C-alpha atoms as a PDB file:
ATOM      1  CA  MET A   1     115.182 103.499  93.555  1.00  0.00           C
ATOM      2  CA  GLN A   2     113.572 106.904  93.827  1.00  0.00           C
ATOM      3  CA  ARG A   3     111.381 107.775  96.768  1.00  0.00           C
ATOM      4  CA  ARG A   4     107.638 107.829  96.257  1.00  0.00           C
ATOM      5  CA  ARG A   5     104.999 110.356  97.233  1.00  0.00           C
ATOM      6  CA  ILE A   6     101.796 110.335  99.236  1.00  0.00           C
ATOM      7  CA  ALA A   7     100.424 113.840  98.717  1.00  0.00           C
ATOM      8  CA  ASP A   8     103.219 116.085 100.043  1.00  0.00           C
ATOM      9  CA  LEU A   9     104.965 113.257 101.934  1.00  0.00           C
ATOM     10  CA  GLU A  10     107.968 111.356 100.569  1.00  0.00           C
ATOM     11  CA  VAL A  11     108.672 107.749 101.553  1.00  0.00           C
ATOM     12  CA  ASN A  12     110.881 104.898 100.491  1.00  0.00           C
ATOM     13  CA  PRO A  13     109.261 102.627  97.883  1.00  0.00           C
ATOM     14  CA  ILE A  14     108.441  99.810 100.347  1.00  0.00           C
ATOM     15  CA  GLY A  15     106.763 100.379 103.699  1.00  0.00           C
ATOM     16  CA  LEU A  16     105.891  98.037 106.553  1.00  0.00           C
ATOM     17  CA  GLY A  17     102.462  96.648 107.359  1.00  0.00           C
ATOM     18  CA  CYS A  18     102.473  96.108 111.121  1.00  0.00           C
ATOM     19  CA  MET A  19      99.335  93.952 111.479  1.00  0.00           C
ATOM     20  CA  SER A  20     101.076  90.614 111.911  1.00  0.00           C
ATOM     21  CA  LEU A  21     102.833  91.876 115.040  1.00  0.00           C
ATOM     22  CA  SER A  22      99.465  91.774 116.810  1.00  0.00           C
ATOM     23  CA  HIS A  23      96.808  90.098 114.733  1.00  0.00           C
ATOM     24  CA  GLY A  24      95.855  87.956 111.804  1.00  0.00           C
ATOM     25  CA  TYR A  25      98.289  85.091 111.446  1.00  0.00           C
ATOM     26  CA  GLY A  26      98.135  83.264 114.741  1.00  0.00           C
ATOM     27  CA  PRO A  27      99.813  84.232 118.029  1.00  0.00           C
ATOM     28  CA  PRO A  28     101.791  87.485 117.800  1.00  0.00           C
ATOM     29  CA  PRO A  29     105.550  87.355 118.379  1.00  0.00           C
ATOM     30  CA  PRO A  30     107.040  88.183 121.781  1.00  0.00           C
ATOM     31  CA  ARG A  31     107.385  91.886 122.461  1.00  0.00           C
ATOM     32  CA  GLU A  32     111.169  91.668 122.245  1.00  0.00           C
ATOM     33  CA  GLN A  33     110.904  90.302 118.712  1.00  0.00           C
ATOM     34  CA  ALA A  34     108.379  92.954 117.713  1.00  0.00           C
ATOM     35  CA  GLU A  35     110.615  95.696 119.078  1.00  0.00           C
ATOM     36  CA  ALA A  36     113.627  94.338 117.213  1.00  0.00           C
ATOM     37  CA  LEU A  37     111.566  94.198 114.024  1.00  0.00           C
ATOM     38  CA  LEU A  38     110.258  97.772 114.257  1.00  0.00           C
ATOM     39  CA  LEU A  39     113.590  99.304 115.208  1.00  0.00           C
ATOM     40  CA  GLY A  40     115.352  97.166 112.636  1.00  0.00           C
ATOM     41  CA  ALA A  41     112.929  98.448 110.020  1.00  0.00           C
ATOM     42  CA  LEU A  42     113.979 102.013 110.788  1.00  0.00           C
ATOM     43  CA  ASP A  43     117.611 100.974 110.412  1.00  0.00           C
ATOM     44  CA  GLU A  44     116.805  99.379 107.044  1.00  0.00           C
ATOM     45  CA  GLY A  45     115.329 102.625 105.760  1.00  0.00           C
ATOM     46  CA  VAL A  46     111.637 101.937 106.271  1.00  0.00           C
ATOM     47  CA  ASP A  47     109.918 105.285 106.815  1.00  0.00           C
ATOM     48  CA  PHE A  48     106.271 104.375 106.218  1.00  0.00           C
ATOM     49  CA  PHE A  49     104.540 102.325 108.920  1.00  0.00           C
ATOM     50  CA  ASP A  50     100.947 101.115 108.617  1.00  0.00           C
ATOM     51  CA  THR A  51      98.725 100.119 111.555  1.00  0.00           C
ATOM     52  CA  ALA A  52      95.017 100.255 112.472  1.00  0.00           C
ATOM     53  CA  ALA A  53      92.673 100.425 115.433  1.00  0.00           C
ATOM     54  CA  LEU A  54      91.412  96.966 114.448  1.00  0.00           C
ATOM     55  CA  TYR A  55      94.754  95.177 114.711  1.00  0.00           C
ATOM     56  CA  GLY A  56      94.753  93.414 118.043  1.00  0.00           C
ATOM     57  CA  PHE A  57      91.868  95.728 119.030  1.00  0.00           C
ATOM     58  CA  GLY A  58      94.277  98.555 119.793  1.00  0.00           C
ATOM     59  CA  HIS A  59      97.295  96.418 120.680  1.00  0.00           C
ATOM     60  CA  ASN A  60      99.109  97.160 117.433  1.00  0.00           C
ATOM     61  CA  GLU A  61      98.769 100.927 117.719  1.00  0.00           C
ATOM     62  CA  THR A  62      99.947 100.737 121.322  1.00  0.00           C
ATOM     63  CA  LEU A  63     102.935  98.620 120.306  1.00  0.00           C
ATOM     64  CA  VAL A  64     103.887 100.975 117.471  1.00  0.00           C
ATOM     65  CA  GLY A  65     103.442 103.984 119.737  1.00  0.00           C
ATOM     66  CA  ASP A  66     105.474 102.535 122.588  1.00  0.00           C
ATOM     67  CA  ILE A  67     108.398 101.552 120.387  1.00  0.00           C
ATOM     68  CA  LEU A  68     108.491 104.135 117.623  1.00  0.00           C
ATOM     69  CA  SER A  69     107.207 107.346 119.228  1.00  0.00           C
ATOM     70  CA  PRO A  70     110.749 108.436 120.250  1.00  0.00           C
ATOM     71  CA  TYR A  71     111.573 108.458 116.508  1.00  0.00           C
ATOM     72  CA  ARG A  72     108.303 110.031 115.356  1.00  0.00           C
ATOM     73  CA  ASP A  73     109.898 112.582 113.027  1.00  0.00           C
ATOM     74  CA  ARG A  74     111.723 109.871 111.075  1.00  0.00           C
ATOM     75  CA  PHE A  75     108.702 108.233 109.473  1.00  0.00           C
ATOM     76  CA  VAL A  76     105.248 108.630 107.968  1.00  0.00           C
ATOM     77  CA  LEU A  77     102.577 107.081 110.172  1.00  0.00           C
ATOM     78  CA  ALA A  78      99.364 105.578 108.795  1.00  0.00           C
ATOM     79  CA  SER A  79      96.468 104.210 110.795  1.00  0.00           C
ATOM     80  CA  LYS A  80      92.807 103.409 110.172  1.00  0.00           C
ATOM     81  CA  CYS A  81      89.357 103.918 111.622  1.00  0.00           C
ATOM     82  CA  GLY A  82      85.911 102.512 110.926  1.00  0.00           C
ATOM     83  CA  LEU A  83      86.741  99.022 112.205  1.00  0.00           C
ATOM     84  CA  HIS A  84      87.548  98.433 115.857  1.00  0.00           C
ATOM     85  CA  GLY A  85      86.941  96.049 118.737  1.00  0.00           C
ATOM     86  CA  VAL A  86      84.076  96.290 121.225  1.00  0.00           C
ATOM     87  CA  ASP A  87      83.897  93.733 124.046  1.00  0.00           C
ATOM     88  CA  GLY A  88      86.176  91.432 122.111  1.00  0.00           C
ATOM     89  CA  LYS A  89      84.144  91.646 118.898  1.00  0.00           C
ATOM     90  CA  ARG A  90      84.953  93.233 115.574  1.00  0.00           C
ATOM     91  CA  VAL A  91      82.688  96.203 114.829  1.00  0.00           C
ATOM     92  CA  MET A  92      82.259  98.294 111.683  1.00  0.00           C
ATOM     93  CA  ASP A  93      81.082 101.837 112.383  1.00  0.00           C
ATOM     94  CA  GLY A  94      81.548 104.696 109.936  1.00  0.00           C
ATOM     95  CA  ARG A  95      79.432 107.294 111.715  1.00  0.00           C
ATOM     96  CA  PRO A  96      81.183 110.660 111.970  1.00  0.00           C
ATOM     97  CA  GLU A  97      81.098 110.772 115.759  1.00  0.00           C
ATOM     98  CA  THR A  98      82.591 107.286 115.980  1.00  0.00           C
ATOM     99  CA  LEU A  99      85.409 108.091 113.554  1.00  0.00           C
ATOM    100  CA  LYS A 100      86.339 111.211 115.531  1.00  0.00           C
ATOM    101  CA  TRP A 101      86.285 109.246 118.783  1.00  0.00           C
ATOM    102  CA  SER A 102      88.419 106.535 117.157  1.00  0.00           C
ATOM    103  CA  CYS A 103      90.982 109.125 116.074  1.00  0.00           C
ATOM    104  CA  GLU A 104      91.325 110.392 119.644  1.00  0.00           C
ATOM    105  CA  GLN A 105      91.903 106.849 120.884  1.00  0.00           C
ATOM    106  CA  SER A 106      94.451 106.173 118.155  1.00  0.00           C
ATOM    107  CA  LEU A 107      96.381 109.358 118.936  1.00  0.00           C
ATOM    108  CA  LYS A 108      96.666 108.279 122.566  1.00  0.00           C
ATOM    109  CA  ARG A 109      97.789 104.762 121.748  1.00  0.00           C
ATOM    110  CA  LEU A 110     100.253 105.951 119.110  1.00  0.00           C
ATOM    111  CA  ARG A 111     101.669 108.611 121.466  1.00  0.00           C
ATOM    112  CA  THR A 112     101.505 111.315 118.839  1.00  0.00           C
ATOM    113  CA  ASP A 113      99.658 114.548 118.153  1.00  0.00           C
ATOM    114  CA  ARG A 114      99.058 113.762 114.484  1.00  0.00           C
ATOM    115  CA  ILE A 115      98.451 110.864 112.148  1.00  0.00           C
ATOM    116  CA  ASP A 116     100.007 111.464 108.743  1.00  0.00           C
ATOM    117  CA  LEU A 117      97.594 109.258 106.804  1.00  0.00           C
ATOM    118  CA  PHE A 118      94.272 108.224 108.348  1.00  0.00           C
ATOM    119  CA  TYR A 119      92.258 105.684 106.377  1.00  0.00           C
ATOM    120  CA  LEU A 120      88.622 104.755 106.513  1.00  0.00           C
ATOM    121  CA  HIS A 121      89.345 101.051 106.979  1.00  0.00           C
ATOM    122  CA  ARG A 122      86.023  99.974 105.480  1.00  0.00           C
ATOM    123  CA  TRP A 123      83.163 102.018 104.118  1.00  0.00           C
ATOM    124  CA  ASP A 124      80.123 101.315 106.320  1.00  0.00           C
ATOM    125  CA  LYS A 125      78.137 101.168 103.109  1.00  0.00           C
ATOM    126  CA  THR A 126      74.793  99.906 104.414  1.00  0.00           C
ATOM    127  CA  ARG A 127      74.452 102.662 107.025  1.00  0.00           C
ATOM    128  CA  VAL A 128      76.579 105.723 106.318  1.00  0.00           C
ATOM    129  CA  PRO A 129      77.116 107.608 103.037  1.00  0.00           C
ATOM    130  CA  VAL A 130      80.815 107.726 102.261  1.00  0.00           C
ATOM    131  CA  GLU A 131      80.512 111.510 102.014  1.00  0.00           C
ATOM    132  CA  ASP A 132      79.538 111.669 105.701  1.00  0.00           C
ATOM    133  CA  SER A 133      82.466 109.521 106.833  1.00  0.00           C
ATOM    134  CA  VAL A 134      84.949 111.462 104.712  1.00  0.00           C
ATOM    135  CA  GLY A 135      83.464 114.715 105.960  1.00  0.00           C
ATOM    136  CA  ALA A 136      84.320 113.674 109.511  1.00  0.00           C
ATOM    137  CA  LEU A 137      87.883 112.852 108.468  1.00  0.00           C
ATOM    138  CA  ALA A 138      88.105 116.240 106.745  1.00  0.00           C
ATOM    139  CA  ASP A 139      87.174 117.852 110.075  1.00  0.00           C
ATOM    140  CA  LEU A 140      90.118 116.008 111.653  1.00  0.00           C
ATOM    141  CA  VAL A 141      92.405 117.431 108.973  1.00  0.00           C
ATOM    142  CA  ARG A 142      91.159 120.930 109.709  1.00  0.00           C
ATOM    143  CA  ASP A 143      91.743 120.296 113.422  1.00  0.00           C
ATOM    144  CA  GLY A 144      95.369 119.332 112.739  1.00  0.00           C
ATOM    145  CA  LYS A 145      94.972 115.803 114.094  1.00  0.00           C
ATOM    146  CA  VAL A 146      95.278 114.181 110.656  1.00  0.00           C
ATOM    147  CA  ARG A 147      97.396 115.326 107.731  1.00  0.00           C
ATOM    148  CA  HIS A 148      95.879 113.304 104.911  1.00  0.00           C
ATOM    149  CA  ILE A 149      92.876 111.060 104.317  1.00  0.00           C
ATOM    150  CA  GLY A 150      92.927 107.571 102.837  1.00  0.00           C
ATOM    151  CA  LEU A 151      90.382 104.907 101.936  1.00  0.00           C
ATOM    152  CA  SER A 152      90.739 101.130 102.069  1.00  0.00           C
ATOM    153  CA  GLU A 153      89.011  98.547  99.887  1.00  0.00           C
ATOM    154  CA  VAL A 154      86.842 100.922  97.834  1.00  0.00           C
ATOM    155  CA  SER A 155      85.703 100.951  94.229  1.00  0.00           C
ATOM    156  CA  ALA A 156      86.615 103.622  91.700  1.00  0.00           C
ATOM    157  CA  ALA A 157      83.113 105.085  91.950  1.00  0.00           C
ATOM    158  CA  THR A 158      83.324 105.384  95.727  1.00  0.00           C
ATOM    159  CA  LEU A 159      86.774 106.938  95.496  1.00  0.00           C
ATOM    160  CA  ARG A 160      85.409 109.609  93.173  1.00  0.00           C
ATOM    161  CA  ARG A 161      82.507 110.350  95.519  1.00  0.00           C
ATOM    162  CA  ALA A 162      84.861 110.661  98.473  1.00  0.00           C
ATOM    163  CA  HIS A 163      87.380 112.783  96.580  1.00  0.00           C
ATOM    164  CA  ALA A 164      84.628 115.281  95.772  1.00  0.00           C
ATOM    165  CA  VAL A 165      84.318 115.929  99.528  1.00  0.00           C
ATOM    166  CA  HIS A 166      88.027 116.089 100.364  1.00  0.00           C
ATOM    167  CA  PRO A 167      91.204 115.065  98.477  1.00  0.00           C
ATOM    168  CA  ILE A 168      92.000 111.397  99.028  1.00  0.00           C
ATOM    169  CA  ALA A 169      95.756 110.978  99.371  1.00  0.00           C
ATOM    170  CA  ALA A 170      95.873 107.180  99.221  1.00  0.00           C
ATOM    171  CA  VAL A 171      93.797 104.103  98.547  1.00  0.00           C
ATOM    172  CA  GLN A 172      94.866 100.839 100.157  1.00  0.00           C
ATOM    173  CA  THR A 173      93.765  97.523  98.694  1.00  0.00           C
ATOM    174  CA  GLU A 174      95.234  94.078  98.250  1.00  0.00           C
ATOM    175  CA  TYR A 175      97.361  93.962  95.111  1.00  0.00           C
ATOM    176  CA  SER A 176      99.884  91.380  93.973  1.00  0.00           C
ATOM    177  CA  LEU A 177     100.586  89.035  91.119  1.00  0.00           C
ATOM    178  CA  TRP A 178      97.727  86.840  92.309  1.00  0.00           C
ATOM    179  CA  THR A 179      95.253  89.634  93.164  1.00  0.00           C
ATOM    180  CA  ARG A 180      94.701  92.020  90.255  1.00  0.00           C
ATOM    181  CA  ASN A 181      91.359  93.599  91.203  1.00  0.00           C
ATOM    182  CA  PRO A 182      92.820  97.149  91.349  1.00  0.00           C
ATOM    183  CA  GLU A 183      93.679  96.899  87.658  1.00  0.00           C
ATOM    184  CA  ILE A 184      89.971  96.848  86.740  1.00  0.00           C
ATOM    185  CA  ALA A 185      89.350 100.521  87.553  1.00  0.00           C
ATOM    186  CA  VAL A 186      90.793 101.723  90.871  1.00  0.00           C
ATOM    187  CA  LEU A 187      94.372 102.215  89.701  1.00  0.00           C
ATOM    188  CA  GLN A 188      93.232 104.352  86.810  1.00  0.00           C
ATOM    189  CA  ALA A 189      90.943 106.401  89.055  1.00  0.00           C
ATOM    190  CA  CYS A 190      93.807 106.931  91.488  1.00  0.00           C
ATOM    191  CA  ARG A 191      96.000 108.230  88.691  1.00  0.00           C
ATOM    192  CA  GLU A 192      93.353 110.596  87.442  1.00  0.00           C
ATOM    193  CA  LEU A 193      92.877 112.025  90.940  1.00  0.00           C
ATOM    194  CA  GLY A 194      96.536 112.074  92.042  1.00  0.00           C
ATOM    195  CA  THR A 195      95.893 109.418  94.695  1.00  0.00           C
ATOM    196  CA  THR A 196      98.710 107.065  95.695  1.00  0.00           C
ATOM    197  CA  PHE A 197      97.962 103.348  95.669  1.00  0.00           C
ATOM    198  CA  VAL A 198      99.158 101.384  98.720  1.00  0.00           C
ATOM    199  CA  ALA A 199      99.290  97.628  98.134  1.00  0.00           C
ATOM    200  CA  PHE A 200      98.748  95.329 101.086  1.00  0.00           C
ATOM    201  CA  SER A 201      99.519  91.584 101.016  1.00  0.00           C
ATOM    202  CA  PRO A 202     101.982  92.158  98.141  1.00  0.00           C
ATOM    203  CA  VAL A 203     103.494  88.688  98.515  1.00  0.00           C
ATOM    204  CA  ALA A 204     100.049  87.057  98.601  1.00  0.00           C
ATOM    205  CA  ARG A 205      99.952  86.306 102.315  1.00  0.00           C
ATOM    206  CA  ALA A 206     103.210  84.281 101.975  1.00  0.00           C
ATOM    207  CA  PHE A 207     102.173  82.297  98.878  1.00  0.00           C
ATOM    208  CA  LEU A 208     104.623  84.219  96.702  1.00  0.00           C
ATOM    209  CA  THR A 209     107.488  83.598  99.107  1.00  0.00           C
ATOM    210  CA  GLY A 210     107.340  79.914  98.220  1.00  0.00           C
ATOM    211  CA  LYS A 211     107.647  79.049 101.908  1.00  0.00           C
ATOM    212  CA  LEU A 212     104.019  78.209 102.709  1.00  0.00           C
ATOM    213  CA  ARG A 213     103.568  74.700 101.376  1.00  0.00           C
ATOM    214  CA  ASP A 214     100.923  73.209 103.679  1.00  0.00           C
ATOM    215  CA  PRO A 215      98.112  75.502 104.864  1.00  0.00           C
ATOM    216  CA  SER A 216      96.799  72.742 107.130  1.00  0.00           C
ATOM    217  CA  LEU A 217      99.724  73.571 109.427  1.00  0.00           C
ATOM    218  CA  LEU A 218      98.561  77.159 109.935  1.00  0.00           C
ATOM    219  CA  ASP A 219      97.460  78.198 113.406  1.00  0.00           C
ATOM    220  CA  ALA A 220      93.770  77.624 114.145  1.00  0.00           C
ATOM    221  CA  LYS A 221      93.208  81.395 114.395  1.00  0.00           C
ATOM    222  CA  ASP A 222      95.129  82.254 111.227  1.00  0.00           C
ATOM    223  CA  LEU A 223      92.799  84.288 109.000  1.00  0.00           C
ATOM    224  CA  ARG A 224      94.024  82.420 105.903  1.00  0.00           C
ATOM    225  CA  ARG A 225      92.123  79.361 107.094  1.00  0.00           C
ATOM    226  CA  GLY A 226      88.918  81.118 106.085  1.00  0.00           C
ATOM    227  CA  MET A 227      90.134  82.247 102.655  1.00  0.00           C
ATOM    228  CA  PRO A 228      89.103  80.135  99.654  1.00  0.00           C
ATOM    229  CA  ARG A 229      92.526  80.263  97.987  1.00  0.00           C
ATOM    230  CA  PHE A 230      94.069  78.598 101.046  1.00  0.00           C
ATOM    231  CA  ALA A 231      91.569  75.742 101.272  1.00  0.00           C
ATOM    232  CA  PRO A 232      93.603  72.501 100.991  1.00  0.00           C
ATOM    233  CA  GLU A 233      92.260  71.344  97.623  1.00  0.00           C
ATOM    234  CA  THR A 234      92.437  74.843  96.115  1.00  0.00           C
ATOM    235  CA  TYR A 235      95.881  75.601  97.489  1.00  0.00           C
ATOM    236  CA  ALA A 236      97.208  72.370  96.017  1.00  0.00           C
ATOM    237  CA  GLN A 237      96.260  73.674  92.564  1.00  0.00           C
ATOM    238  CA  ASN A 238      97.881  77.052  93.240  1.00  0.00           C
ATOM    239  CA  LEU A 239     101.074  75.386  94.441  1.00  0.00           C
ATOM    240  CA  ALA A 240     101.467  73.965  90.944  1.00  0.00           C
ATOM    241  CA  LEU A 241     102.227  77.521  89.771  1.00  0.00           C
ATOM    242  CA  LEU A 242     105.259  77.913  92.013  1.00  0.00           C
ATOM    243  CA  PRO A 243     107.989  75.779  90.384  1.00  0.00           C
ATOM    244  CA  ALA A 244     108.061  77.878  87.203  1.00  0.00           C
ATOM    245  CA  TYR A 245     107.789  81.086  89.208  1.00  0.00           C
ATOM    246  CA  GLU A 246     110.627  80.084  91.553  1.00  0.00           C
ATOM    247  CA  ALA A 247     112.766  79.139  88.561  1.00  0.00           C
ATOM    248  CA  LEU A 248     112.153  82.581  87.084  1.00  0.00           C
ATOM    249  CA  ALA A 249     113.214  84.249  90.347  1.00  0.00           C
ATOM    250  CA  ALA A 250     116.386  82.150  90.406  1.00  0.00           C
ATOM    251  CA  GLU A 251     117.102  83.115  86.806  1.00  0.00           C
ATOM    252  CA  ALA A 252     116.672  86.779  87.765  1.00  0.00           C
ATOM    253  CA  GLY A 253     119.023  86.389  90.737  1.00  0.00           C
ATOM    254  CA  CYS A 254     116.462  87.192  93.439  1.00  0.00           C
ATOM    255  CA  THR A 255     114.102  85.454  95.816  1.00  0.00           C
ATOM    256  CA  PRO A 256     110.454  84.755  94.933  1.00  0.00           C
ATOM    257  CA  ALA A 257     109.312  87.411  97.415  1.00  0.00           C
ATOM    258  CA  GLN A 258     111.658  89.978  95.885  1.00  0.00           C
ATOM    259  CA  LEU A 259     110.360  89.193  92.413  1.00  0.00           C
ATOM    260  CA  ALA A 260     106.793  89.731  93.615  1.00  0.00           C
ATOM    261  CA  LEU A 261     107.698  93.090  95.159  1.00  0.00           C
ATOM    262  CA  ALA A 262     109.750  94.179  92.151  1.00  0.00           C
ATOM    263  CA  TRP A 263     106.797  93.381  89.897  1.00  0.00           C
ATOM    264  CA  LEU A 264     104.556  95.614  92.030  1.00  0.00           C
ATOM    265  CA  LEU A 265     107.093  98.422  92.115  1.00  0.00           C
ATOM    266  CA  SER A 266     107.223  98.293  88.318  1.00  0.00           C
ATOM    267  CA  ARG A 267     103.475  98.949  88.078  1.00  0.00           C
ATOM    268  CA  GLY A 268     104.089 102.658  88.604  1.00  0.00           C
ATOM    269  CA  GLU A 269     105.813 105.164  90.831  1.00  0.00           C
ATOM    270  CA  ASP A 270     102.468 105.784  92.523  1.00  0.00           C
ATOM    271  CA  VAL A 271     102.329 102.205  93.888  1.00  0.00           C
ATOM    272  CA  ILE A 272     103.754 101.535  97.372  1.00  0.00           C
ATOM    273  CA  PRO A 273     103.774  97.944  98.687  1.00  0.00           C
ATOM    274  CA  ILE A 274     103.569  97.394 102.449  1.00  0.00           C
ATOM    275  CA  PRO A 275     104.579  93.783 103.125  1.00  0.00           C
ATOM    276  CA  GLY A 276     104.172  92.612 106.685  1.00  0.00           C
ATOM    277  CA  THR A 277     106.436  90.269 108.611  1.00  0.00           C
ATOM    278  CA  THR A 278     107.482  89.355 112.134  1.00  0.00           C
ATOM    279  CA  ARG A 279     111.071  88.498 111.175  1.00  0.00           C
ATOM    280  CA  LEU A 280     113.900  90.939 110.562  1.00  0.00           C
ATOM    281  CA  ASP A 281     115.594  88.705 108.001  1.00  0.00           C
ATOM    282  CA  HIS A 282     112.397  88.634 105.951  1.00  0.00           C
ATOM    283  CA  LEU A 283     112.120  92.426 106.196  1.00  0.00           C
ATOM    284  CA  GLN A 284     115.699  92.786 104.971  1.00  0.00           C
ATOM    285  CA  GLU A 285     114.907  90.422 102.100  1.00  0.00           C
ATOM    286  CA  ASN A 286     111.862  92.497 101.188  1.00  0.00           C
ATOM    287  CA  MET A 287     113.788  95.752 101.209  1.00  0.00           C
ATOM    288  CA  GLY A 288     116.302  94.175  98.869  1.00  0.00           C
ATOM    289  CA  ALA A 289     113.655  94.396  96.142  1.00  0.00           C
ATOM    290  CA  THR A 290     114.251  98.157  95.953  1.00  0.00           C
ATOM    291  CA  ARG A 291     117.809  97.490  94.791  1.00  0.00           C
ATOM    292  CA  LEU A 292     116.902  95.124  91.967  1.00  0.00           C
ATOM    293  CA  THR A 293     117.059  95.954  88.291  1.00  0.00           C
ATOM    294  CA  LEU A 294     114.943  93.400  86.458  1.00  0.00           C
ATOM    295  CA  SER A 295     114.246  93.323  82.753  1.00  0.00           C
ATOM    296  CA  ALA A 296     110.786  93.962  81.374  1.00  0.00           C
ATOM    297  CA  ASP A 297     110.878  90.412  80.017  1.00  0.00           C
ATOM    298  CA  VAL A 298     111.310  88.911  83.485  1.00  0.00           C
ATOM    299  CA  LEU A 299     108.521  91.057  84.917  1.00  0.00           C
ATOM    300  CA  ASP A 300     106.198  90.206  82.038  1.00  0.00           C
ATOM    301  CA  ARG A 301     106.903  86.506  82.444  1.00  0.00           C
ATOM    302  CA  ALA A 302     106.138  86.725  86.171  1.00  0.00           C
ATOM    303  CA  GLY A 303     102.820  88.366  85.363  1.00  0.00           C
ATOM    304  CA  ALA A 304     102.020  85.701  82.806  1.00  0.00           C
ATOM    305  CA  LEU A 305     102.738  82.878  85.242  1.00  0.00           C
ATOM    306  CA  ILE A 306     100.634  84.135  88.154  1.00  0.00           C
ATOM    307  CA  ASN A 307      97.500  86.156  87.510  1.00  0.00           C
ATOM    308  CA  THR A 308      93.721  86.054  87.851  1.00  0.00           C
ATOM    309  CA  THR A 309      93.477  83.471  85.076  1.00  0.00           C
ATOM    310  CA  THR A 310      95.962  81.018  86.553  1.00  0.00           C
ATOM    311  CA  VAL A 311      95.137  81.409  90.266  1.00  0.00           C
ATOM    312  CA  VAL A 312      92.293  79.315  91.663  1.00  0.00           C
ATOM    313  CA  GLY A 313      89.890  80.484  94.352  1.00  0.00           C
ATOM    314  CA  ASP A 314      88.256  83.698  95.513  1.00  0.00           C
ATOM    315  CA  ARG A 315      90.120  86.272  97.532  1.00  0.00           C
ATOM    316  CA  TYR A 316      87.651  86.282 100.444  1.00  0.00           C
ATOM    317  CA  ALA A 317      84.834  84.106 101.727  1.00  0.00           C
ATOM    318  CA  PRO A 318      81.373  85.567 100.917  1.00  0.00           C
ATOM    319  CA  ALA A 319      80.823  87.207 104.320  1.00  0.00           C
ATOM    320  CA  SER A 320      84.138  89.054 104.169  1.00  0.00           C
ATOM    321  CA  GLN A 321      83.709  89.958 100.509  1.00  0.00           C
ATOM    322  CA  ALA A 322      80.359  91.565 101.346  1.00  0.00           C
ATOM    323  CA  GLU A 323      82.177  94.111 103.532  1.00  0.00           C
ATOM    324  CA  VAL A 324      84.439  95.422 100.799  1.00  0.00           C
ATOM    325  CA  ASP A 325      83.594  97.767  97.968  1.00  0.00           C
ATOM    326  CA  THR A 326      86.189  96.829  95.360  1.00  0.00           C
ATOM    327  CA  GLU A 327      85.474  95.740  91.819  1.00  0.00           C
ATOM    328  CA  ILE A 328      85.538  91.991  91.291  1.00  0.00           C
ATOM    329  CA  ALA A 329      87.215  90.507  88.227  1.00  0.00           C
END
């Protein structure tokens, strides 16, 4: 499969979201496992790594920097600002001075003199105009500390406002068979502006792997416990979608996760999925999706089986949804 572009950068079609090595889905793996995963990813051809100041409140950037900085010229590095930890609490702050301070901290933790793609993790929409936040990131580009600017979880209208201040190289939002919000307007806006779309949670936070059968067994601190789609009664309804989907993957000669990734890759050459994992065998499985050749019929049938009409439950709980700026189907 051909490489894909983020502005003037070329990457393989599937990147790696590093969050789960530090944050989000219960206790992080031992350092030895994380190191094997990150170095194994390089060996598998991954050359686009995604982290953030928020993940583990700096732990994830430090981990990525410690392990991957000796190989810095082999990959495109993305991180994020606007969400970080203060005294053990999650804080949103999009003020220009805070974003510039956050960049300095990220550069130190990542052991690098530049961040290839620096996202505004969330638009601090009740306090700071997006133009002010993007203006600060544009200053970082002019200073040579950042190569390109990205936005995460924004609407098409906000993307256009931001792009008028400085070119936006990438927008990152959840996108998968079971989350289609980007199809409302953001994907089209990205294409009009030449902005790459980076899809996080492309296998639906493990739902589309077929391996998560009982969400009640998730760790107490697993963020999925607060998501409506993973509530026991709701998830039971969503599980009913899997047998037909798994049968389709078997018919196509791939795993359910590979089918989900192949479907995303087929959405356009400007779409780059960044699945996360803590296991090298799962990473290798994910990368196998780049070598698949699936018929349009199989991809269409996958989309017909799992979509916004068939999936039950909201993407986020109300408090979390209030923080994002994406269109809602």
